[in-house]
Amino acid sequence: MKDIIVVCEAGITTSLMVKKLNELVEENQKDFSIRSKSTEESQNYVKGEQVDAVLLGPQVHHKIDEYRNATNAQVLTISVQDYNNMDVYSIFNQLTKALS
């Protein structure tokens, strides 16, 4: 099981996105566990847990180096366009490629 977190400032904005991503996980029979975390939660989480990927929402792109230094996981950014359009297909494809 690949552990993936989607990070936004408060962890609330990404909840719908995570729901839709998990629907794609089921449809595509991927062994992914995707959850939403706030920046505060996620910074501690990646230090103490095995995480395979961290997806950063646009509002936290500036923290990419902090996450790369805190974890061995793939640290990816969600484009502003994909985020604003809730393009979960594009985000899912990006994630699948990174974890292949």
PDB file of N, CA and C in Angstrom:
ATOM      1  N   MET A   1       0.851  -1.189   0.000  1.00  0.00           N
ATOM      2  CA  MET A   1       0.000   0.000   0.000  1.00  0.00           C
ATOM      3  C   MET A   1       0.884   1.236   0.000  1.00  0.00           C
ATOM      4  N   LYS A   2       0.646   2.115  -0.969  1.00  0.00           N
ATOM      5  CA  LYS A   2       1.371   3.384  -1.062  1.00  0.00           C
ATOM      6  C   LYS A   2       0.622   4.428  -0.239  1.00  0.00           C
ATOM      7  N   ASP A   3       1.341   5.044   0.685  1.00  0.00           N
ATOM      8  CA  ASP A   3       0.764   6.070   1.553  1.00  0.00           C
ATOM      9  C   ASP A   3       1.036   7.435   0.943  1.00  0.00           C
ATOM     10  N   ILE A   4      -0.035   8.165   0.659  1.00  0.00           N
ATOM     11  CA  ILE A   4       0.053   9.455  -0.017  1.00  0.00           C
ATOM     12  C   ILE A   4      -0.722  10.485   0.794  1.00  0.00           C
ATOM     13  N   ILE A   5      -0.100  11.654   0.972  1.00  0.00           N
ATOM     14  CA  ILE A   5      -0.832  12.737   1.628  1.00  0.00           C
ATOM     15  C   ILE A   5      -0.902  13.933   0.681  1.00  0.00           C
ATOM     16  N   VAL A   6      -2.033  14.606   0.735  1.00  0.00           N
ATOM     17  CA  VAL A   6      -2.250  15.832  -0.025  1.00  0.00           C
ATOM     18  C   VAL A   6      -2.273  16.952   1.011  1.00  0.00           C
ATOM     19  N   VAL A   7      -1.428  17.943   0.804  1.00  0.00           N
ATOM     20  CA  VAL A   7      -1.238  18.987   1.807  1.00  0.00           C
ATOM     21  C   VAL A   7      -1.762  20.322   1.314  1.00  0.00           C
ATOM     22  N   CYS A   8      -2.568  20.955   2.161  1.00  0.00           N
ATOM     23  CA  CYS A   8      -2.946  22.350   1.931  1.00  0.00           C
ATOM     24  C   CYS A   8      -2.791  23.065   3.265  1.00  0.00           C
ATOM     25  N   GLU A   9      -3.010  24.331   3.270  1.00  0.00           N
ATOM     26  CA  GLU A   9      -2.748  25.116   4.483  1.00  0.00           C
ATOM     27  C   GLU A   9      -3.507  24.580   5.696  1.00  0.00           C
ATOM     28  N   ALA A  10      -4.810  24.370   5.555  1.00  0.00           N
ATOM     29  CA  ALA A  10      -5.605  23.916   6.701  1.00  0.00           C
ATOM     30  C   ALA A  10      -6.031  22.455   6.591  1.00  0.00           C
ATOM     31  N   GLY A  11      -5.869  21.846   5.429  1.00  0.00           N
ATOM     32  CA  GLY A  11      -6.278  20.453   5.252  1.00  0.00           C
ATOM     33  C   GLY A  11      -7.740  20.286   4.895  1.00  0.00           C
ATOM     34  N   ILE A  12      -8.460  21.380   4.786  1.00  0.00           N
ATOM     35  CA  ILE A  12      -9.893  21.311   4.511  1.00  0.00           C
ATOM     36  C   ILE A  12     -10.165  21.401   3.005  1.00  0.00           C
ATOM     37  N   THR A  13      -9.459  22.291   2.336  1.00  0.00           N
ATOM     38  CA  THR A  13      -9.681  22.542   0.916  1.00  0.00           C
ATOM     39  C   THR A  13      -9.524  21.280   0.082  1.00  0.00           C
ATOM     40  N   THR A  14      -8.619  20.426   0.472  1.00  0.00           N
ATOM     41  CA  THR A  14      -8.317  19.252  -0.339  1.00  0.00           C
ATOM     42  C   THR A  14      -9.220  18.056  -0.053  1.00  0.00           C
ATOM     43  N   SER A  15     -10.125  18.159   0.886  1.00  0.00           N
ATOM     44  CA  SER A  15     -10.934  16.995   1.265  1.00  0.00           C
ATOM     45  C   SER A  15     -11.772  16.454   0.106  1.00  0.00           C
ATOM     46  N   LEU A  16     -12.393  17.329  -0.680  1.00  0.00           N
ATOM     47  CA  LEU A  16     -13.175  16.876  -1.835  1.00  0.00           C
ATOM     48  C   LEU A  16     -12.254  16.263  -2.897  1.00  0.00           C
ATOM     49  N   MET A  17     -11.099  16.900  -3.104  1.00  0.00           N
ATOM     50  CA  MET A  17     -10.137  16.384  -4.068  1.00  0.00           C
ATOM     51  C   MET A  17      -9.682  14.977  -3.674  1.00  0.00           C
ATOM     52  N   VAL A  18      -9.394  14.774  -2.410  1.00  0.00           N
ATOM     53  CA  VAL A  18      -8.958  13.465  -1.919  1.00  0.00           C
ATOM     54  C   VAL A  18     -10.064  12.432  -2.101  1.00  0.00           C
ATOM     55  N   LYS A  19     -11.294  12.829  -1.861  1.00  0.00           N
ATOM     56  CA  LYS A  19     -12.419  11.911  -2.065  1.00  0.00           C
ATOM     57  C   LYS A  19     -12.467  11.457  -3.522  1.00  0.00           C
ATOM     58  N   LYS A  20     -12.336  12.408  -4.439  1.00  0.00           N
ATOM     59  CA  LYS A  20     -12.381  12.081  -5.863  1.00  0.00           C
ATOM     60  C   LYS A  20     -11.149  11.270  -6.295  1.00  0.00           C
ATOM     61  N   LEU A  21      -9.998  11.580  -5.740  1.00  0.00           N
ATOM     62  CA  LEU A  21      -8.802  10.794  -6.039  1.00  0.00           C
ATOM     63  C   LEU A  21      -8.956   9.354  -5.567  1.00  0.00           C
ATOM     64  N   ASN A  22      -9.531   9.177  -4.393  1.00  0.00           N
ATOM     65  CA  ASN A  22      -9.743   7.819  -3.882  1.00  0.00           C
ATOM     66  C   ASN A  22     -10.748   7.037  -4.729  1.00  0.00           C
ATOM     67  N   GLU A  23     -11.706   7.731  -5.328  1.00  0.00           N
ATOM     68  CA  GLU A  23     -12.621   7.063  -6.257  1.00  0.00           C
ATOM     69  C   GLU A  23     -11.849   6.554  -7.479  1.00  0.00           C
ATOM     70  N   LEU A  24     -10.905   7.357  -7.969  1.00  0.00           N
ATOM     71  CA  LEU A  24     -10.069   6.921  -9.090  1.00  0.00           C
ATOM     72  C   LEU A  24      -9.162   5.752  -8.693  1.00  0.00           C
ATOM     73  N   VAL A  25      -8.693   5.776  -7.467  1.00  0.00           N
ATOM     74  CA  VAL A  25      -7.875   4.667  -6.956  1.00  0.00           C
ATOM     75  C   VAL A  25      -8.662   3.368  -7.043  1.00  0.00           C
ATOM     76  N   GLU A  26      -9.901   3.406  -6.586  1.00  0.00           N
ATOM     77  CA  GLU A  26     -10.759   2.214  -6.639  1.00  0.00           C
ATOM     78  C   GLU A  26     -11.020   1.783  -8.075  1.00  0.00           C
ATOM     79  N   GLU A  27     -11.392   2.740  -8.934  1.00  0.00           N
ATOM     80  CA  GLU A  27     -11.701   2.432 -10.338  1.00  0.00           C
ATOM     81  C   GLU A  27     -10.511   1.802 -11.052  1.00  0.00           C
ATOM     82  N   ASN A  28      -9.309   2.273 -10.716  1.00  0.00           N
ATOM     83  CA  ASN A  28      -8.099   1.815 -11.391  1.00  0.00           C
ATOM     84  C   ASN A  28      -7.371   0.715 -10.613  1.00  0.00           C
ATOM     85  N   GLN A  29      -7.977   0.275  -9.529  1.00  0.00           N
ATOM     86  CA  GLN A  29      -7.446  -0.806  -8.701  1.00  0.00           C
ATOM     87  C   GLN A  29      -5.985  -0.579  -8.311  1.00  0.00           C
ATOM     88  N   LYS A  30      -5.700   0.629  -7.864  1.00  0.00           N
ATOM     89  CA  LYS A  30      -4.359   0.968  -7.380  1.00  0.00           C
ATOM     90  C   LYS A  30      -4.307   0.708  -5.882  1.00  0.00           C
ATOM     91  N   ASP A  31      -3.129   0.395  -5.412  1.00  0.00           N
ATOM     92  CA  ASP A  31      -2.925   0.121  -3.998  1.00  0.00           C
ATOM     93  C   ASP A  31      -2.413   1.389  -3.307  1.00  0.00           C
ATOM     94  N   PHE A  32      -3.261   2.448  -3.343  1.00  0.00           N
ATOM     95  CA  PHE A  32      -2.921   3.750  -2.776  1.00  0.00           C
ATOM     96  C   PHE A  32      -3.855   4.072  -1.614  1.00  0.00           C
ATOM     97  N   SER A  33      -3.291   4.693  -0.596  1.00  0.00           N
ATOM     98  CA  SER A  33      -4.077   5.278   0.478  1.00  0.00           C
ATOM     99  C   SER A  33      -3.793   6.777   0.451  1.00  0.00           C
ATOM    100  N   ILE A  34      -4.821   7.563   0.128  1.00  0.00           N
ATOM    101  CA  ILE A  34      -4.644   9.012  -0.018  1.00  0.00           C
ATOM    102  C   ILE A  34      -5.440   9.729   1.061  1.00  0.00           C
ATOM    103  N   ARG A  35      -4.741  10.630   1.766  1.00  0.00           N
ATOM    104  CA  ARG A  35      -5.390  11.413   2.828  1.00  0.00           C
ATOM    105  C   ARG A  35      -4.989  12.873   2.729  1.00  0.00           C
ATOM    106  N   SER A  36      -5.818  13.718   3.276  1.00  0.00           N
ATOM    107  CA  SER A  36      -5.557  15.154   3.318  1.00  0.00           C
ATOM    108  C   SER A  36      -4.979  15.516   4.679  1.00  0.00           C
ATOM    109  N   LYS A  37      -3.993  16.397   4.657  1.00  0.00           N
ATOM    110  CA  LYS A  37      -3.378  16.868   5.907  1.00  0.00           C
ATOM    111  C   LYS A  37      -3.126  18.368   5.811  1.00  0.00           C
ATOM    112  N   SER A  38      -3.197  19.028   6.949  1.00  0.00           N
ATOM    113  CA  SER A  38      -2.806  20.437   7.005  1.00  0.00           C
ATOM    114  C   SER A  38      -1.280  20.502   7.023  1.00  0.00           C
ATOM    115  N   THR A  39      -0.719  21.678   6.763  1.00  0.00           N
ATOM    116  CA  THR A  39       0.744  21.792   6.779  1.00  0.00           C
ATOM    117  C   THR A  39       1.291  21.450   8.156  1.00  0.00           C
ATOM    118  N   GLU A  40       0.617  21.880   9.192  1.00  0.00           N
ATOM    119  CA  GLU A  40       1.091  21.594  10.550  1.00  0.00           C
ATOM    120  C   GLU A  40       1.107  20.086  10.822  1.00  0.00           C
ATOM    121  N   GLU A  41       0.017  19.419  10.515  1.00  0.00           N
ATOM    122  CA  GLU A  41      -0.074  17.965  10.702  1.00  0.00           C
ATOM    123  C   GLU A  41       0.936  17.223   9.842  1.00  0.00           C
ATOM    124  N   SER A  42       1.026  17.628   8.595  1.00  0.00           N
ATOM    125  CA  SER A  42       1.821  16.869   7.631  1.00  0.00           C
ATOM    126  C   SER A  42       3.311  16.945   7.907  1.00  0.00           C
ATOM    127  N   GLN A  43       3.787  18.056   8.383  1.00  0.00           N
ATOM    128  CA  GLN A  43       5.220  18.170   8.651  1.00  0.00           C
ATOM    129  C   GLN A  43       5.648  17.197   9.741  1.00  0.00           C
ATOM    130  N   ASN A  44       4.833  17.027  10.744  1.00  0.00           N
ATOM    131  CA  ASN A  44       5.136  16.041  11.779  1.00  0.00           C
ATOM    132  C   ASN A  44       4.908  14.619  11.264  1.00  0.00           C
ATOM    133  N   TYR A  45       3.877  14.439  10.460  1.00  0.00           N
ATOM    134  CA  TYR A  45       3.520  13.120   9.933  1.00  0.00           C
ATOM    135  C   TYR A  45       4.649  12.543   9.084  1.00  0.00           C
ATOM    136  N   VAL A  46       5.195  13.343   8.157  1.00  0.00           N
ATOM    137  CA  VAL A  46       6.241  12.822   7.268  1.00  0.00           C
ATOM    138  C   VAL A  46       7.532  12.491   8.001  1.00  0.00           C
ATOM    139  N   LYS A  47       7.734  13.094   9.148  1.00  0.00           N
ATOM    140  CA  LYS A  47       8.935  12.791   9.932  1.00  0.00           C
ATOM    141  C   LYS A  47       8.789  11.489  10.707  1.00  0.00           C
ATOM    142  N   GLY A  48       7.560  11.126  11.055  1.00  0.00           N
ATOM    143  CA  GLY A  48       7.354   9.952  11.895  1.00  0.00           C
ATOM    144  C   GLY A  48       6.763   8.744  11.203  1.00  0.00           C
ATOM    145  N   GLU A  49       6.276   8.910   9.990  1.00  0.00           N
ATOM    146  CA  GLU A  49       5.606   7.817   9.279  1.00  0.00           C
ATOM    147  C   GLU A  49       6.271   7.584   7.928  1.00  0.00           C
ATOM    148  N   GLN A  50       6.132   6.372   7.436  1.00  0.00           N
ATOM    149  CA  GLN A  50       6.606   6.053   6.083  1.00  0.00           C
ATOM    150  C   GLN A  50       5.580   6.565   5.077  1.00  0.00           C
ATOM    151  N   VAL A  51       5.964   7.533   4.293  1.00  0.00           N
ATOM    152  CA  VAL A  51       5.090   8.132   3.287  1.00  0.00           C
ATOM    153  C   VAL A  51       5.740   7.919   1.923  1.00  0.00           C
ATOM    154  N   ASP A  52       4.940   7.565   0.937  1.00  0.00           N
ATOM    155  CA  ASP A  52       5.481   7.344  -0.408  1.00  0.00           C
ATOM    156  C   ASP A  52       5.420   8.589  -1.282  1.00  0.00           C
ATOM    157  N   ALA A  53       4.424   9.434  -1.051  1.00  0.00           N
ATOM    158  CA  ALA A  53       4.298  10.656  -1.845  1.00  0.00           C
ATOM    159  C   ALA A  53       3.602  11.749  -1.044  1.00  0.00           C
ATOM    160  N   VAL A  54       4.047  12.966  -1.288  1.00  0.00           N
ATOM    161  CA  VAL A  54       3.436  14.161  -0.708  1.00  0.00           C
ATOM    162  C   VAL A  54       3.047  15.053  -1.875  1.00  0.00           C
ATOM    163  N   LEU A  55       1.760  15.372  -1.969  1.00  0.00           N
ATOM    164  CA  LEU A  55       1.255  16.285  -3.004  1.00  0.00           C
ATOM    165  C   LEU A  55       0.966  17.628  -2.349  1.00  0.00           C
ATOM    166  N   LEU A  56       1.636  18.654  -2.801  1.00  0.00           N
ATOM    167  CA  LEU A  56       1.455  19.980  -2.216  1.00  0.00           C
ATOM    168  C   LEU A  56       0.492  20.811  -3.042  1.00  0.00           C
ATOM    169  N   GLY A  57      -0.527  21.346  -2.368  1.00  0.00           N
ATOM    170  CA  GLY A  57      -1.442  22.270  -3.015  1.00  0.00           C
ATOM    171  C   GLY A  57      -0.720  23.579  -3.313  1.00  0.00           C
ATOM    172  N   PRO A  58      -1.254  24.375  -4.237  1.00  0.00           N
ATOM    173  CA  PRO A  58      -0.583  25.613  -4.654  1.00  0.00           C
ATOM    174  C   PRO A  58      -0.248  26.575  -3.511  1.00  0.00           C
ATOM    175  N   GLN A  59      -1.097  26.617  -2.502  1.00  0.00           N
ATOM    176  CA  GLN A  59      -0.855  27.567  -1.412  1.00  0.00           C
ATOM    177  C   GLN A  59       0.337  27.184  -0.537  1.00  0.00           C
ATOM    178  N   VAL A  60       0.884  25.978  -0.721  1.00  0.00           N
ATOM    179  CA  VAL A  60       2.048  25.553   0.072  1.00  0.00           C
ATOM    180  C   VAL A  60       3.227  25.133  -0.799  1.00  0.00           C
ATOM    181  N   HIS A  61       3.213  25.505  -2.073  1.00  0.00           N
ATOM    182  CA  HIS A  61       4.350  25.194  -2.958  1.00  0.00           C
ATOM    183  C   HIS A  61       5.665  25.723  -2.396  1.00  0.00           C
ATOM    184  N   HIS A  62       5.609  26.859  -1.711  1.00  0.00           N
ATOM    185  CA  HIS A  62       6.826  27.477  -1.172  1.00  0.00           C
ATOM    186  C   HIS A  62       7.505  26.623  -0.100  1.00  0.00           C
ATOM    187  N   LYS A  63       6.829  25.583   0.378  1.00  0.00           N
ATOM    188  CA  LYS A  63       7.396  24.716   1.415  1.00  0.00           C
ATOM    189  C   LYS A  63       8.017  23.438   0.842  1.00  0.00           C
ATOM    190  N   ILE A  64       8.181  23.378  -0.474  1.00  0.00           N
ATOM    191  CA  ILE A  64       8.654  22.152  -1.112  1.00  0.00           C
ATOM    192  C   ILE A  64      10.004  21.695  -0.556  1.00  0.00           C
ATOM    193  N   ASP A  65      10.924  22.603  -0.332  1.00  0.00           N
ATOM    194  CA  ASP A  65      12.238  22.210   0.188  1.00  0.00           C
ATOM    195  C   ASP A  65      12.151  21.653   1.600  1.00  0.00           C
ATOM    196  N   GLU A  66      11.257  22.212   2.414  1.00  0.00           N
ATOM    197  CA  GLU A  66      11.066  21.692   3.768  1.00  0.00           C
ATOM    198  C   GLU A  66      10.630  20.227   3.724  1.00  0.00           C
ATOM    199  N   TYR A  67       9.695  19.916   2.831  1.00  0.00           N
ATOM    200  CA  TYR A  67       9.212  18.537   2.723  1.00  0.00           C
ATOM    201  C   TYR A  67      10.278  17.623   2.142  1.00  0.00           C
ATOM    202  N   ARG A  68      11.000  18.092   1.152  1.00  0.00           N
ATOM    203  CA  ARG A  68      12.065  17.265   0.570  1.00  0.00           C
ATOM    204  C   ARG A  68      13.152  16.955   1.594  1.00  0.00           C
ATOM    205  N   ASN A  69      13.404  17.883   2.508  1.00  0.00           N
ATOM    206  CA  ASN A  69      14.402  17.657   3.553  1.00  0.00           C
ATOM    207  C   ASN A  69      13.873  16.777   4.685  1.00  0.00           C
ATOM    208  N   ALA A  70      12.558  16.706   4.848  1.00  0.00           N
ATOM    209  CA  ALA A  70      11.960  15.981   5.967  1.00  0.00           C
ATOM    210  C   ALA A  70      11.615  14.533   5.646  1.00  0.00           C
ATOM    211  N   THR A  71      11.592  14.169   4.344  1.00  0.00           N
ATOM    212  CA  THR A  71      11.137  12.832   3.973  1.00  0.00           C
ATOM    213  C   THR A  71      11.878  12.327   2.741  1.00  0.00           C
ATOM    214  N   ASN A  72      11.889  11.022   2.585  1.00  0.00           N
ATOM    215  CA  ASN A  72      12.434  10.401   1.382  1.00  0.00           C
ATOM    216  C   ASN A  72      11.346  10.183   0.334  1.00  0.00           C
ATOM    217  N   ALA A  73      10.143  10.584   0.647  1.00  0.00           N
ATOM    218  CA  ALA A  73       9.000  10.407  -0.257  1.00  0.00           C
ATOM    219  C   ALA A  73       9.145  11.290  -1.489  1.00  0.00           C
ATOM    220  N   GLN A  74       8.406  10.925  -2.533  1.00  0.00           N
ATOM    221  CA  GLN A  74       8.285  11.801  -3.691  1.00  0.00           C
ATOM    222  C   GLN A  74       7.502  13.032  -3.242  1.00  0.00           C
ATOM    223  N   VAL A  75       8.032  14.214  -3.480  1.00  0.00           N
ATOM    224  CA  VAL A  75       7.323  15.448  -3.149  1.00  0.00           C
ATOM    225  C   VAL A  75       6.946  16.116  -4.464  1.00  0.00           C
ATOM    226  N   LEU A  76       5.636  16.213  -4.693  1.00  0.00           N
ATOM    227  CA  LEU A  76       5.106  16.729  -5.951  1.00  0.00           C
ATOM    228  C   LEU A  76       4.242  17.956  -5.678  1.00  0.00           C
ATOM    229  N   THR A  77       4.123  18.798  -6.682  1.00  0.00           N
ATOM    230  CA  THR A  77       3.241  19.956  -6.551  1.00  0.00           C
ATOM    231  C   THR A  77       2.046  19.790  -7.483  1.00  0.00           C
ATOM    232  N   ILE A  78       0.908  20.194  -6.991  1.00  0.00           N
ATOM    233  CA  ILE A  78      -0.306  20.213  -7.803  1.00  0.00           C
ATOM    234  C   ILE A  78      -0.351  21.580  -8.478  1.00  0.00           C
ATOM    235  N   SER A  79      -0.461  21.582  -9.795  1.00  0.00           N
ATOM    236  CA  SER A  79      -0.476  22.865 -10.508  1.00  0.00           C
ATOM    237  C   SER A  79      -1.703  23.679 -10.093  1.00  0.00           C
ATOM    238  N   VAL A  80      -1.566  24.980 -10.210  1.00  0.00           N
ATOM    239  CA  VAL A  80      -2.675  25.880  -9.888  1.00  0.00           C
ATOM    240  C   VAL A  80      -3.877  25.543 -10.769  1.00  0.00           C
ATOM    241  N   GLN A  81      -3.628  25.293 -12.035  1.00  0.00           N
ATOM    242  CA  GLN A  81      -4.712  24.980 -12.969  1.00  0.00           C
ATOM    243  C   GLN A  81      -5.428  23.684 -12.555  1.00  0.00           C
ATOM    244  N   ASP A  82      -4.665  22.622 -12.274  1.00  0.00           N
ATOM    245  CA  ASP A  82      -5.293  21.362 -11.860  1.00  0.00           C
ATOM    246  C   ASP A  82      -6.055  21.528 -10.550  1.00  0.00           C
ATOM    247  N   TYR A  83      -5.483  22.294  -9.647  1.00  0.00           N
ATOM    248  CA  TYR A  83      -6.109  22.505  -8.344  1.00  0.00           C
ATOM    249  C   TYR A  83      -7.410  23.296  -8.492  1.00  0.00           C
ATOM    250  N   ASN A  84      -7.351  24.410  -9.219  1.00  0.00           N
ATOM    251  CA  ASN A  84      -8.531  25.259  -9.376  1.00  0.00           C
ATOM    252  C   ASN A  84      -9.643  24.564 -10.148  1.00  0.00           C
ATOM    253  N   ASN A  85      -9.262  23.734 -11.123  1.00  0.00           N
ATOM    254  CA  ASN A  85     -10.257  23.018 -11.933  1.00  0.00           C
ATOM    255  C   ASN A  85     -10.628  21.661 -11.334  1.00  0.00           C
ATOM    256  N   MET A  86     -10.012  21.330 -10.214  1.00  0.00           N
ATOM    257  CA  MET A  86     -10.238  20.039  -9.557  1.00  0.00           C
ATOM    258  C   MET A  86     -10.048  18.902 -10.576  1.00  0.00           C
ATOM    259  N   ASP A  87      -8.961  19.019 -11.347  1.00  0.00           N
ATOM    260  CA  ASP A  87      -8.659  18.025 -12.378  1.00  0.00           C
ATOM    261  C   ASP A  87      -7.976  16.818 -11.735  1.00  0.00           C
ATOM    262  N   VAL A  88      -8.780  15.981 -11.113  1.00  0.00           N
ATOM    263  CA  VAL A  88      -8.231  14.817 -10.406  1.00  0.00           C
ATOM    264  C   VAL A  88      -7.619  13.807 -11.367  1.00  0.00           C
ATOM    265  N   TYR A  89      -8.054  13.795 -12.609  1.00  0.00           N
ATOM    266  CA  TYR A  89      -7.470  12.873 -13.592  1.00  0.00           C
ATOM    267  C   TYR A  89      -6.006  13.230 -13.849  1.00  0.00           C
ATOM    268  N   SER A  90      -5.736  14.511 -14.027  1.00  0.00           N
ATOM    269  CA  SER A  90      -4.368  14.966 -14.245  1.00  0.00           C
ATOM    270  C   SER A  90      -3.509  14.702 -13.006  1.00  0.00           C
ATOM    271  N   ILE A  91      -4.045  15.008 -11.838  1.00  0.00           N
ATOM    272  CA  ILE A  91      -3.316  14.803 -10.586  1.00  0.00           C
ATOM    273  C   ILE A  91      -3.053  13.308 -10.370  1.00  0.00           C
ATOM    274  N   PHE A  92      -4.043  12.480 -10.647  1.00  0.00           N
ATOM    275  CA  PHE A  92      -3.904  11.031 -10.501  1.00  0.00           C
ATOM    276  C   PHE A  92      -2.829  10.499 -11.455  1.00  0.00           C
ATOM    277  N   ASN A  93      -2.823  10.985 -12.695  1.00  0.00           N
ATOM    278  CA  ASN A  93      -1.800  10.565 -13.658  1.00  0.00           C
ATOM    279  C   ASN A  93      -0.403  10.976 -13.209  1.00  0.00           C
ATOM    280  N   GLN A  94      -0.273  12.180 -12.696  1.00  0.00           N
ATOM    281  CA  GLN A  94       1.004  12.660 -12.180  1.00  0.00           C
ATOM    282  C   GLN A  94       1.479  11.764 -11.039  1.00  0.00           C
ATOM    283  N   LEU A  95       0.586  11.446 -10.157  1.00  0.00           N
ATOM    284  CA  LEU A  95       0.896  10.611  -9.005  1.00  0.00           C
ATOM    285  C   LEU A  95       1.278   9.190  -9.436  1.00  0.00           C
ATOM    286  N   THR A  96       0.516   8.614 -10.345  1.00  0.00           N
ATOM    287  CA  THR A  96       0.779   7.253 -10.817  1.00  0.00           C
ATOM    288  C   THR A  96       2.160   7.174 -11.477  1.00  0.00           C
ATOM    289  N   LYS A  97       2.499   8.155 -12.300  1.00  0.00           N
ATOM    290  CA  LYS A  97       3.818   8.181 -12.942  1.00  0.00           C
ATOM    291  C   LYS A  97       4.936   8.267 -11.910  1.00  0.00           C
ATOM    292  N   ALA A  98       4.756   9.106 -10.928  1.00  0.00           N
ATOM    293  CA  ALA A  98       5.796   9.311  -9.907  1.00  0.00           C
ATOM    294  C   ALA A  98       6.027   8.050  -9.074  1.00  0.00           C
ATOM    295  N   LEU A  99       4.983   7.279  -8.868  1.00  0.00           N
ATOM    296  CA  LEU A  99       5.100   6.086  -8.010  1.00  0.00           C
ATOM    297  C   LEU A  99       5.330   4.786  -8.795  1.00  0.00           C
ATOM    298  N   SER A 100       5.520   4.895 -10.095  1.00  0.00           N
ATOM    299  CA  SER A 100       5.761   3.704 -10.921  1.00  0.00           C
ATOM    300  C   SER A 100       7.204   3.266 -10.837  1.00  0.00           C
TER     301      SER A 100
END
